Structure formats: structure tokens, C-alpha cells
């Protein structure tokens, strides 16, 4: 795939920033198209050396221990999503007049004739779940699809695959959108907007603007969250194809051009012939797992994108029923002595944690980690009436402790001053001591995990292991 587009990269000197999964994918693809590729990475550990050896066998130059210097005669820089815009490498590229793009942009440029359209999803929280739901619905409709982007297989590999896809379900992070100026999806959704990654973007306005790029050039539907006016503002600001519609989703009764919920039924008043007078049943709340409010919203957004692509209502129901959420996303681990234990390690920011906390009436909350510049007053204020106790871990736990002292002073708090591998087990034991019959011990950290764990998956596994130990 790529056909006549090979000439755009053939013979060009391209620098790829980063030896992660997306960086290696971009390097291999571009080298295969005749580019002269150099990969740079500031690390020089065992993992980087192993990855470098693999690429060097494919004729790709790799430079470790220096991610700041622009290789001579570079004509294009392709960055991995995590590299900050203010990186020295990009400053050098700007000074030399060299364009910087991401792997998603390269994937878009590599699409050949008859390439499948993209249905794209972004938002502070819920992206992965929504894209997986969307893919399940599309498959239920008999369409050949894949969930790609900020999830699963690198998008460049999928775009270049000989597999004849009908449509792609694409998760895009704010990082990826920042570096993808040309991407123009068929339809797209912004699920929600809340402060996150401000250490990377600099300001909330810059973060929102990068999210809003997903609506540029949409041809059929810009899907927004009716409960989050900032997402509708992004639709208004977007330059879309003539005839593209704004489609809202709501947990309440939908108006015309919206999807929503009526008496426990997910309904469509957007993609029906008489939307001012008619609604089409799509599924029941019980078809969505878990049926927490924020997950119903995810299902409505996925359904809106599928309907924008012409999928029949029956496939929406079948797809939602077939969907199984990933581990560590508001996952019920066990019931022990009348107390439920729930793992939402994926709640790596305050917005995600707030959705999780809203799903249970009486909670002992395990929280903490790396705050990424976040504040916790709004989160604690919203959850105060549901909290029976809190156990805090991680580098920035004091920020949460201070917010609890200000807004929930009667809630007992245990702060664990340890970051060793046994810290999670200690946190679960402390939470168990605070819990009473009917409570939920909820691990929804509202923080990133890298101060104590490799990633949120490892943190979630540590929680599940600690819960299992309660019955040993």
C-alpha cells in the first residue's frame, strides 16, 4: 500500500524521535519506502540497545544517548507521541526549517487509493473503551475493521497492511493530534475535556485546541458530549466539510440530532428520517458492561459514530453485548466479607476518578501517584458525600490529603509513606480495616503510576493480588 506516495519519502533523510513501539514502526515503514532513516533516543539502556540492534539489522541508523541533536541534512522529523513540543530536537528542527510530524500523520499520508475511512475518538477519558466498543459494533455489522491509533497495533502497520479493511476505529491522543495536521476523519468524537497533560501542552487552551483538531475536515458527523459544553465549542470552531452535522450524546432524554437514554433504553434521534418526531431504539442499558454512567456515555458516542457510518440499529445492540472491557477499567475484583473490591487503575487523572467515584454510594478510596500538575479540590468536593475513608499512596499523595482536609475533613485518611512493592498490599489492608459491609474499596488513583509501577496495568495487578491475599 502507498503506491505513488513512495516518492514523497524515497531518498529523503528522515529522523525518527524515540525507540518506542510507534517509533520503531515508523522507522521500519519509512525505510521500506526508500527513506534514509536515523532514529534518535536519549536513553542508552538494555531495552534501547536491543531495539537499536533490531533496527540496525534492517539498515536503519540508530543514535542512542542523544535525543537533542538534529542529524545533519534531516528533511523531516517523525516524533513519538510522548516527546514534548519544547524538546531541544524540535527547536533545532524549527531553526532549520524542518517539519515535525507524528506517526499518525505519516499513516495518513501513506493511505493508498481506496483506503478505508477513519472514525476517530479522542477525549480526556474513555477513548480506548469507546474505540473498542465502536470496533465491536462495526464487526457486528459485518464490516472489516480494526481498533488502532493510541491502542493495539501501530497505525502505520495497519495502513500498510494488505488486509482490506472497510473502516478503521481510531483512538487519537492529544499528543498524536498535535503532530497530525493533515488528518481528516470521516466522523469523529470528543468524549470530554478536563485538565490533563498540562505539563506537556502548557495550558488548558492548548490542550483543548489539540483535541479539537480531530474535527477538522469531518464529512458526516462531529460527535460531542452535550453535558460538556467545551466539546461542542470545539465543533463550532472546526472547519468541516459542507453538510457535516453536529451530533450530541446525553445521558438524559435526547433532543433532535442527539443520542440519549429514555427509560433505560439507548435511543437515536439523529440518524432517523423524522428526528424531530421519532427516536430509534438501539440497545438497553443492561447491554453495556459495566453499566456505570460514564460507560453509558462511551456507548452512546460509539453508537453515534457507527450510525454516522450507516450501521443498522441491530448491530449497535449486538456489538455492545459482545464488548468486554479491558482489565483495570472499573473492574470488579472480588467480594470479601460483604465488601466489594473494584480496580480502576486506568483512572490516571481526576476526571476519570470522578466518573469512577460517582458509580458507588459508599467508598473507601485508594488514591495517589504522580499528579501531572493536577489539583484535587473539585474531585474531592464532588465525592465527599460518598467517602467512608481514604488510603493514599505515591509521590503526590499529600496533594490529595490536603484536598480531603479542606473539603471532607470528617473522612478518615491513612497516608502511606512508602513506595516499595508491598505498598499496595498495605493500602488494601488499611482500606479493608476502614470498610464496612456494603462498602466498595475502590482503587481509582486519579494519578499516573510511574512513581511506583511500570504502568497502570502493573498497578492494577498489584491491587488484584493484594485483594486475593485477603482470603488466603
Protein backbone atom coordinates (compact mmCIF):
# COMPACT_ATOMS: atom_id res chain seq x y z
CA UNK A 1 0.00 0.00 0.00
CA UNK A 2 1.23 3.54 -0.58
CA UNK A 3 1.61 3.21 -4.38
CA UNK A 4 2.54 6.55 -5.91
CA UNK A 5 3.18 8.05 -2.49
CA UNK A 6 6.56 6.30 -2.22
CA UNK A 7 8.26 9.23 -3.95
CA UNK A 8 7.35 11.52 -1.05
CA UNK A 9 9.77 9.63 1.20
CA UNK A 10 12.13 7.80 -1.14
CA UNK A 11 15.68 9.08 -0.73
CA UNK A 12 14.67 11.59 1.95
CA UNK A 13 16.71 11.82 5.15
CA UNK A 14 14.22 11.33 7.98
CA UNK A 15 14.90 11.46 11.70
CA UNK A 16 12.60 9.41 13.94
CA UNK A 17 12.44 10.55 17.57
CA UNK A 18 12.05 7.69 20.01
CA UNK A 19 12.59 3.93 20.10
CA UNK A 20 9.14 3.05 21.39
CA UNK A 21 6.60 0.91 19.54
CA UNK A 22 5.35 3.73 17.30
CA UNK A 23 8.90 4.99 16.62
CA UNK A 24 10.13 1.56 15.54
CA UNK A 25 7.03 1.10 13.36
CA UNK A 26 7.58 4.46 11.65
CA UNK A 27 11.29 3.78 11.12
CA UNK A 28 10.68 0.38 9.50
CA UNK A 29 7.89 1.68 7.28
CA UNK A 30 9.83 4.72 6.06
CA UNK A 31 12.99 2.71 5.44
CA UNK A 32 10.90 0.24 3.46
CA UNK A 33 9.73 3.14 1.29
CA UNK A 34 13.30 4.11 0.46
CA UNK A 35 13.92 6.79 3.09
CA UNK A 36 17.31 7.12 4.78
CA UNK A 37 16.25 6.84 8.40
CA UNK A 38 18.07 7.75 11.59
CA UNK A 39 16.41 7.01 14.94
CA UNK A 40 17.48 9.08 17.95
CA UNK A 41 16.75 8.32 21.59
CA UNK A 42 18.10 9.90 24.76
CA UNK A 43 18.22 6.54 26.51
CA UNK A 44 21.05 4.05 26.30
CA UNK A 45 19.88 1.14 28.43
CA UNK A 46 19.44 -2.54 27.74
CA UNK A 47 15.97 -2.09 26.23
CA UNK A 48 17.11 0.67 23.87
CA UNK A 49 20.16 -1.29 22.74
CA UNK A 50 18.08 -4.35 21.95
CA UNK A 51 15.62 -2.26 19.91
CA UNK A 52 18.51 -0.49 18.16
CA UNK A 53 20.13 -3.79 17.16
CA UNK A 54 16.86 -4.95 15.58
CA UNK A 55 16.54 -1.75 13.52
CA UNK A 56 20.20 -1.70 12.51
CA UNK A 57 19.78 -5.17 11.02
CA UNK A 58 17.16 -3.57 8.76
CA UNK A 59 19.65 -0.93 7.61
CA UNK A 60 18.38 1.85 9.90
CA UNK A 61 20.86 4.08 11.71
CA UNK A 62 20.26 4.44 15.46
CA UNK A 63 21.85 7.03 17.73
CA UNK A 64 21.47 6.39 21.46
CA UNK A 65 22.18 8.70 24.38
CA UNK A 66 21.49 11.89 22.40
CA UNK A 67 17.92 12.90 21.72
CA UNK A 68 18.67 16.61 21.35
CA UNK A 69 20.90 16.97 18.30
CA UNK A 70 19.33 17.07 14.83
CA UNK A 71 21.21 14.74 12.44
CA UNK A 72 22.79 16.51 9.51
CA UNK A 73 20.68 17.06 6.36
CA UNK A 74 17.45 15.91 8.04
CA UNK A 75 14.48 16.76 5.81
CA UNK A 76 11.67 15.56 8.11
CA UNK A 77 11.33 14.65 11.79
CA UNK A 78 8.83 11.99 12.85
CA UNK A 79 8.18 12.04 16.58
CA UNK A 80 6.78 9.52 19.00
CA UNK A 81 3.73 10.85 20.90
CA UNK A 82 5.42 11.33 24.27
CA UNK A 83 8.13 13.76 23.12
CA UNK A 84 7.28 17.25 24.38
CA UNK A 85 6.86 20.10 21.89
CA UNK A 86 9.59 22.08 23.66
CA UNK A 87 12.20 19.33 23.18
CA UNK A 88 15.61 20.54 22.05
CA UNK A 89 15.43 18.32 18.95
CA UNK A 90 12.29 20.12 17.77
CA UNK A 91 13.79 23.53 18.48
CA UNK A 92 16.72 22.54 16.26
CA UNK A 93 14.29 21.34 13.59
CA UNK A 94 12.35 24.62 13.71
CA UNK A 95 15.59 26.61 13.41
CA UNK A 96 16.49 24.56 10.33
CA UNK A 97 13.01 24.89 8.79
CA UNK A 98 12.36 21.14 9.12
CA UNK A 99 8.78 19.90 9.57
CA UNK A 100 7.94 17.79 12.65
CA UNK A 101 5.04 15.31 12.44
CA UNK A 102 3.89 12.19 14.28
CA UNK A 103 3.33 8.59 13.27
CA UNK A 104 -0.41 9.22 12.79
CA UNK A 105 0.37 11.92 10.23
CA UNK A 106 2.70 9.55 8.37
CA UNK A 107 -0.01 6.89 8.38
CA UNK A 108 -2.48 9.37 6.91
CA UNK A 109 -0.03 10.34 4.14
CA UNK A 110 0.62 6.67 3.33
CA UNK A 111 -3.01 5.82 2.60
CA UNK A 112 -3.41 4.48 -0.89
CA UNK A 113 -6.31 4.62 -3.35
CA UNK A 114 -9.49 3.22 -1.83
CA UNK A 115 -8.10 3.48 1.71
CA UNK A 116 -10.67 2.84 4.47
CA UNK A 117 -12.16 5.92 6.14
CA UNK A 118 -11.34 6.72 9.77
CA UNK A 119 -13.87 7.01 12.58
CA UNK A 120 -11.84 8.81 15.24
CA UNK A 121 -12.20 9.26 19.00
CA UNK A 122 -10.43 11.49 21.50
CA UNK A 123 -11.18 12.92 24.95
CA UNK A 124 -9.59 13.11 28.35
CA UNK A 125 -11.11 9.78 29.38
CA UNK A 126 -12.90 6.84 27.80
CA UNK A 127 -11.07 6.82 24.45
CA UNK A 128 -9.90 3.22 24.48
CA UNK A 129 -13.20 1.81 25.72
CA UNK A 130 -15.19 3.81 23.17
CA UNK A 131 -12.96 2.77 20.27
CA UNK A 132 -13.21 -0.87 21.32
CA UNK A 133 -17.00 -0.58 21.58
CA UNK A 134 -17.06 1.06 18.14
CA UNK A 135 -14.97 -1.72 16.63
CA UNK A 136 -17.28 -4.33 18.19
CA UNK A 137 -20.32 -2.60 16.68
CA UNK A 138 -18.69 -2.33 13.26
CA UNK A 139 -17.77 -6.03 13.36
CA UNK A 140 -21.35 -6.89 14.35
CA UNK A 141 -22.44 -5.04 11.21
CA UNK A 142 -20.24 -7.35 9.13
CA UNK A 143 -17.58 -4.73 8.43
CA UNK A 144 -13.85 -5.46 8.34
CA UNK A 145 -12.29 -3.16 10.90
CA UNK A 146 -9.53 -2.73 13.48
CA UNK A 147 -9.11 -0.61 16.62
CA UNK A 148 -5.90 1.36 16.01
CA UNK A 149 -4.02 4.53 16.87
CA UNK A 150 -3.29 5.04 20.55
CA UNK A 151 -4.25 1.38 21.06
CA UNK A 152 -3.08 -2.01 19.84
CA UNK A 153 -1.24 -2.33 16.53
CA UNK A 154 0.68 0.79 15.37
CA UNK A 155 -1.48 2.66 12.89
CA UNK A 156 1.27 2.78 10.25
CA UNK A 157 1.42 -1.02 10.23
CA UNK A 158 -2.36 -1.25 9.75
CA UNK A 159 -2.43 1.35 6.96
CA UNK A 160 0.32 -0.53 5.08
CA UNK A 161 -1.23 -3.95 5.69
CA UNK A 162 -2.62 -5.89 2.71
CA UNK A 163 -5.72 -6.57 4.84
CA UNK A 164 -8.69 -4.97 3.01
CA UNK A 165 -10.38 -3.02 5.81
CA UNK A 166 -13.76 -1.32 5.28
CA UNK A 167 -13.28 1.25 8.05
CA UNK A 168 -10.87 1.92 10.94
CA UNK A 169 -11.79 2.79 14.53
CA UNK A 170 -9.02 5.20 15.53
CA UNK A 171 -8.10 6.34 19.05
CA UNK A 172 -6.15 9.59 18.99
CA UNK A 173 -4.45 11.18 21.99
CA UNK A 174 -3.87 14.92 22.30
CA UNK A 175 -0.17 14.21 21.70
CA UNK A 176 -0.91 12.44 18.42
CA UNK A 177 -3.33 15.13 17.25
CA UNK A 178 -0.76 17.84 17.98
CA UNK A 179 1.56 16.29 15.41
CA UNK A 180 -1.10 15.31 12.81
CA UNK A 181 -2.06 18.46 10.85
CA UNK A 182 -3.45 16.69 7.75
CA UNK A 183 -5.70 14.03 9.28
CA UNK A 184 -9.33 14.35 8.13
CA UNK A 185 -11.63 11.67 9.60
CA UNK A 186 -14.98 10.60 8.15
CA UNK A 187 -16.53 11.36 11.55
CA UNK A 188 -15.06 12.00 14.98
CA UNK A 189 -15.97 12.33 18.66
CA UNK A 190 -14.54 14.31 21.57
CA UNK A 191 -15.86 12.49 24.62
CA UNK A 192 -14.99 15.03 27.31
CA UNK A 193 -12.45 17.67 28.26
CA UNK A 194 -10.78 18.09 31.64
CA UNK A 195 -7.32 19.28 32.68
CA UNK A 196 -4.74 16.63 31.85
CA UNK A 197 -1.21 16.52 30.44
CA UNK A 198 -0.88 20.25 31.10
CA UNK A 199 2.81 19.68 31.81
CA UNK A 200 3.08 18.68 28.11
CA UNK A 201 0.66 21.12 26.46
CA UNK A 202 1.40 24.10 28.70
CA UNK A 203 -2.18 25.40 29.04
CA UNK A 204 -5.71 24.06 29.05
CA UNK A 205 -6.45 26.12 25.94
CA UNK A 206 -3.58 24.47 24.05
CA UNK A 207 -4.70 21.02 25.23
CA UNK A 208 -8.28 21.67 24.10
CA UNK A 209 -7.13 23.05 20.75
CA UNK A 210 -5.14 19.88 20.05
CA UNK A 211 -8.17 17.74 20.94
CA UNK A 212 -10.31 19.87 18.61
CA UNK A 213 -8.10 19.06 15.64
CA UNK A 214 -9.93 15.75 15.38
CA UNK A 215 -12.99 17.54 13.94
CA UNK A 216 -11.08 19.18 11.09
CA UNK A 217 -12.42 18.10 7.71
CA UNK A 218 -15.07 15.72 9.09
CA UNK A 219 -17.53 14.81 6.34
CA UNK A 220 -20.56 13.28 8.10
CA UNK A 221 -20.66 13.84 11.88
CA UNK A 222 -18.87 15.73 14.65
CA UNK A 223 -19.97 13.92 17.82
CA UNK A 224 -19.86 15.92 21.07
CA UNK A 225 -20.87 15.48 24.71
CA UNK A 226 -23.99 17.52 25.49
CA UNK A 227 -23.01 17.55 29.18
CA UNK A 228 -19.59 19.08 28.38
CA UNK A 229 -20.09 22.40 26.53
CA UNK A 230 -16.36 22.65 25.79
CA UNK A 231 -16.68 19.73 23.37
CA UNK A 232 -19.50 21.48 21.47
CA UNK A 233 -17.37 24.65 21.36
CA UNK A 234 -14.69 22.64 19.55
CA UNK A 235 -17.27 21.55 16.95
CA UNK A 236 -18.26 25.18 16.35
CA UNK A 237 -14.63 26.14 15.84
CA UNK A 238 -13.86 23.33 13.40
CA UNK A 239 -13.54 23.71 9.66
CA UNK A 240 -15.63 20.78 8.43
CA UNK A 241 -16.88 19.58 5.05
CA UNK A 242 -20.11 21.21 3.90
CA UNK A 243 -23.07 19.18 5.17
CA UNK A 244 -21.27 17.66 8.16
CA UNK A 245 -23.58 17.57 11.20
CA UNK A 246 -23.08 18.20 14.92
CA UNK A 247 -24.39 15.16 16.83
CA UNK A 248 -24.70 15.26 20.61
CA UNK A 249 -24.90 12.45 23.12
CA UNK A 250 -26.53 12.74 26.54
CA UNK A 251 -27.42 10.54 29.49
CA UNK A 252 -30.80 12.29 29.52
CA UNK A 253 -33.64 12.40 27.01
CA UNK A 254 -32.16 13.34 23.64
CA UNK A 255 -33.30 16.23 21.52
CA UNK A 256 -33.21 16.20 17.71
CA UNK A 257 -29.72 15.36 16.36
CA UNK A 258 -28.79 13.65 19.62
CA UNK A 259 -28.46 10.16 21.06
CA UNK A 260 -29.56 9.61 24.65
CA UNK A 261 -31.35 7.46 27.22
CA UNK A 262 -35.11 7.04 27.76
CA UNK A 263 -36.42 4.63 30.41
CA UNK A 264 -33.25 2.55 30.39
CA UNK A 265 -33.06 2.41 26.59
CA UNK A 266 -30.33 3.93 24.40
CA UNK A 267 -32.10 5.81 21.60
CA UNK A 268 -31.13 7.65 18.43
CA UNK A 269 -32.80 10.92 17.37
CA UNK A 270 -30.02 11.86 14.96
CA UNK A 271 -29.87 9.25 12.22
CA UNK A 272 -33.60 8.69 11.72
CA UNK A 273 -35.83 10.10 8.94
CA UNK A 274 -38.05 12.21 11.24
CA UNK A 275 -35.68 13.15 14.04
CA UNK A 276 -37.98 15.90 15.32
CA UNK A 277 -40.74 13.36 15.98
CA UNK A 278 -39.10 9.92 16.06
CA UNK A 279 -36.50 8.01 18.06
CA UNK A 280 -34.89 4.68 17.18
CA UNK A 281 -34.16 2.15 19.93
CA UNK A 282 -30.53 0.98 19.78
CA UNK A 283 -29.92 -1.04 22.94
CA UNK A 284 -30.71 -1.28 26.62
CA UNK A 285 -28.51 -0.05 29.45
CA UNK A 286 -28.14 -3.67 30.51
CA UNK A 287 -26.41 -4.37 27.17
CA UNK A 288 -23.49 -2.18 28.32
CA UNK A 289 -20.77 -3.59 30.60
CA UNK A 290 -20.20 -2.08 33.10
CA UNK A 291 -23.40 -0.01 33.15
CA UNK A 292 -21.79 2.89 35.04
CA UNK A 293 -22.91 6.35 33.81
CA UNK A 294 -19.63 7.27 32.16
CA UNK A 295 -19.60 3.95 30.30
CA UNK A 296 -23.13 4.51 29.01
CA UNK A 297 -21.82 7.80 27.63
CA UNK A 298 -18.99 5.91 25.92
CA UNK A 299 -21.52 3.53 24.38
CA UNK A 300 -23.62 6.41 23.06
CA UNK A 301 -20.58 8.03 21.46
CA UNK A 302 -19.56 4.75 19.82
CA UNK A 303 -23.11 4.23 18.61
CA UNK A 304 -23.20 7.76 17.15
CA UNK A 305 -20.04 7.16 15.11
CA UNK A 306 -21.29 3.77 13.92
CA UNK A 307 -24.66 5.25 12.91
CA UNK A 308 -22.83 8.05 11.09
CA UNK A 309 -21.20 5.31 9.03
CA UNK A 310 -24.57 3.77 8.21
CA UNK A 311 -24.62 0.88 10.70
CA UNK A 312 -28.07 -0.55 11.43
CA UNK A 313 -29.53 -0.39 14.99
CA UNK A 314 -29.41 -4.18 15.42
CA UNK A 315 -25.61 -4.15 15.07
CA UNK A 316 -25.30 -1.50 17.78
CA UNK A 317 -27.04 -3.78 20.28
CA UNK A 318 -25.11 -6.87 19.19
CA UNK A 319 -21.77 -5.03 19.28
CA UNK A 320 -22.34 -3.61 22.76
CA UNK A 321 -23.36 -7.03 24.05
CA UNK A 322 -20.21 -8.57 22.55
CA UNK A 323 -17.88 -5.96 24.02
CA UNK A 324 -15.73 -6.92 27.00
CA UNK A 325 -13.88 -4.09 28.76
CA UNK A 326 -10.13 -4.28 29.27
CA UNK A 327 -8.69 -5.17 32.64
CA UNK A 328 -8.09 -2.36 35.14
CA UNK A 329 -11.09 -0.32 33.97
CA UNK A 330 -13.64 -0.19 36.79
CA UNK A 331 -13.24 -3.97 37.10
CA UNK A 332 -14.91 -5.85 39.96
CA UNK A 333 -12.16 -7.97 41.52
CA UNK A 334 -13.91 -9.74 44.42
CA UNK A 335 -16.38 -9.55 47.28
CA UNK A 336 -14.80 -10.23 50.65
CA UNK A 337 -16.84 -10.22 53.88
CA UNK A 338 -19.57 -8.11 52.33
CA UNK A 339 -17.16 -5.55 50.85
CA UNK A 340 -16.71 -5.13 47.07
CA UNK A 341 -13.19 -4.51 45.71
CA UNK A 342 -13.00 -2.61 42.41
CA UNK A 343 -9.90 -1.96 40.32
CA UNK A 344 -9.91 1.21 38.23
CA UNK A 345 -6.17 1.64 37.87
CA UNK A 346 -6.85 3.17 34.43
CA UNK A 347 -8.26 6.24 36.27
CA UNK A 348 -4.95 8.08 35.88
CA UNK A 349 -6.42 11.60 36.20
CA UNK A 350 -9.06 13.39 38.25
CA UNK A 351 -11.73 13.33 35.56
CA UNK A 352 -11.56 9.55 35.23
CA UNK A 353 -11.53 9.10 39.01
CA UNK A 354 -14.59 11.33 39.39
CA UNK A 355 -16.56 9.14 36.98
CA UNK A 356 -15.50 6.05 38.89
CA UNK A 357 -16.32 7.51 42.31
CA UNK A 358 -19.77 8.53 41.05
CA UNK A 359 -20.63 4.89 40.36
CA UNK A 360 -20.71 3.73 44.02
CA UNK A 361 -22.63 5.02 47.06
CA UNK A 362 -20.18 4.23 49.90
CA UNK A 363 -16.46 4.09 49.18
CA UNK A 364 -13.11 3.52 50.79
CA UNK A 365 -10.89 5.20 48.24
CA UNK A 366 -7.33 4.16 47.39
CA UNK A 367 -5.66 7.02 45.52
CA UNK A 368 -2.36 8.69 44.73
CA UNK A 369 0.67 8.56 42.46
CA UNK A 370 2.00 11.23 40.08
CA UNK A 371 -0.41 14.17 39.84
CA UNK A 372 0.92 15.51 36.50
CA UNK A 373 0.15 19.06 37.60
CA UNK A 374 -3.47 18.30 38.60
CA UNK A 375 -5.38 19.67 41.57
CA UNK A 376 -7.90 17.64 43.58
CA UNK A 377 -10.32 20.09 45.22
CA UNK A 378 -13.09 19.68 42.65
CA UNK A 379 -12.76 15.88 42.70
CA UNK A 380 -12.92 15.64 46.50
CA UNK A 381 -15.82 18.10 46.73
CA UNK A 382 -17.88 16.02 44.28
CA UNK A 383 -17.11 12.73 46.02
CA UNK A 384 -17.11 13.82 49.69
CA UNK A 385 -20.59 12.51 50.45
CA UNK A 386 -19.67 9.03 49.18
CA UNK A 387 -16.39 8.58 51.02
CA UNK A 388 -16.20 6.39 54.12
CA UNK A 389 -12.41 6.60 54.18
CA UNK A 390 -9.31 7.12 52.04
CA UNK A 391 -5.92 5.44 51.80
CA UNK A 392 -3.27 7.47 49.99
CA UNK A 393 -0.10 6.24 48.30
CA UNK A 394 2.52 7.60 45.94
CA UNK A 395 4.67 10.63 45.39
CA UNK A 396 1.90 13.26 45.33
CA UNK A 397 -0.42 11.79 47.97
CA UNK A 398 -0.16 14.91 50.13
CA UNK A 399 -1.96 16.95 47.46
CA UNK A 400 -4.96 14.65 47.84
CA UNK A 401 -4.63 14.64 51.63
CA UNK A 402 -4.75 18.45 51.66
CA UNK A 403 -7.86 18.49 49.45
CA UNK A 404 -9.55 15.95 51.74
CA UNK A 405 -8.69 18.07 54.78
CA UNK A 406 -10.26 21.11 53.13
CA UNK A 407 -13.40 19.55 51.67
CA UNK A 408 -14.02 16.28 53.57
CA UNK A 409 -12.50 16.83 57.00
CA UNK A 410 -14.59 14.10 58.66
CA UNK A 411 -13.34 11.35 56.32
CA UNK A 412 -10.62 9.23 57.97
CA UNK A 413 -7.40 9.27 55.93
CA UNK A 414 -4.42 6.90 56.03
CA UNK A 415 -1.32 8.17 54.22
CA UNK A 416 1.32 5.51 53.47
CA UNK A 417 4.86 6.85 53.28
CA UNK A 418 6.32 4.02 51.22
CA UNK A 419 6.85 3.21 47.54
CA UNK A 420 8.14 -0.37 47.76
CA UNK A 421 6.47 -3.35 46.12
CA UNK A 422 4.50 -4.10 49.27
CA UNK A 423 2.86 -0.67 49.39
CA UNK A 424 -0.27 -1.71 47.50
CA UNK A 425 -0.81 -4.71 49.75
CA UNK A 426 -0.53 -2.40 52.76
CA UNK A 427 -3.00 0.02 51.16
CA UNK A 428 -5.55 -2.76 50.61
CA UNK A 429 -5.18 -3.93 54.21
CA UNK A 430 -5.70 -0.39 55.51
CA UNK A 431 -8.73 0.09 53.26
CA UNK A 432 -10.20 -3.20 54.46
CA UNK A 433 -9.85 -2.03 58.05
CA UNK A 434 -11.83 1.12 57.21
CA UNK A 435 -14.56 -0.64 55.20
CA UNK A 436 -17.91 -1.87 56.46
CA UNK A 437 -20.43 -4.31 54.97
CA UNK A 438 -21.92 -2.80 51.80
CA UNK A 439 -18.91 -0.56 51.09
CA UNK A 440 -16.76 -0.59 47.97
CA UNK A 441 -12.98 -0.42 48.24
CA UNK A 442 -12.23 1.47 45.06
CA UNK A 443 -8.72 1.86 43.65
CA UNK A 444 -9.18 4.89 41.40
CA UNK A 445 -5.84 6.68 41.84
CA UNK A 446 -6.55 9.94 39.94
CA UNK A 447 -2.81 9.93 39.24
CA UNK A 448 -0.28 8.33 36.94
CA UNK A 449 1.51 5.22 38.17
CA UNK A 450 5.15 5.65 37.18
CA UNK A 451 6.39 6.72 40.61
CA UNK A 452 5.77 3.20 41.93
CA UNK A 453 4.90 0.98 38.97
CA UNK A 454 5.88 0.44 35.34
CA UNK A 455 2.37 1.38 34.20
CA UNK A 456 -1.27 1.34 35.30
CA UNK A 457 -1.56 -2.34 34.32
CA UNK A 458 1.10 -3.31 36.83
CA UNK A 459 -0.58 -1.15 39.47
CA UNK A 460 -3.90 -2.86 38.80
CA UNK A 461 -2.33 -6.31 39.03
CA UNK A 462 -0.78 -5.36 42.37
CA UNK A 463 -4.22 -4.38 43.65
CA UNK A 464 -5.83 -7.61 42.44
CA UNK A 465 -3.04 -9.67 44.00
CA UNK A 466 -3.44 -7.83 47.30
CA UNK A 467 -7.21 -8.43 47.30
CA UNK A 468 -6.68 -12.14 46.61
CA UNK A 469 -4.33 -12.30 49.58
CA UNK A 470 -7.18 -11.21 51.90
CA UNK A 471 -8.75 -14.66 51.63
CA UNK A 472 -5.53 -16.70 51.81
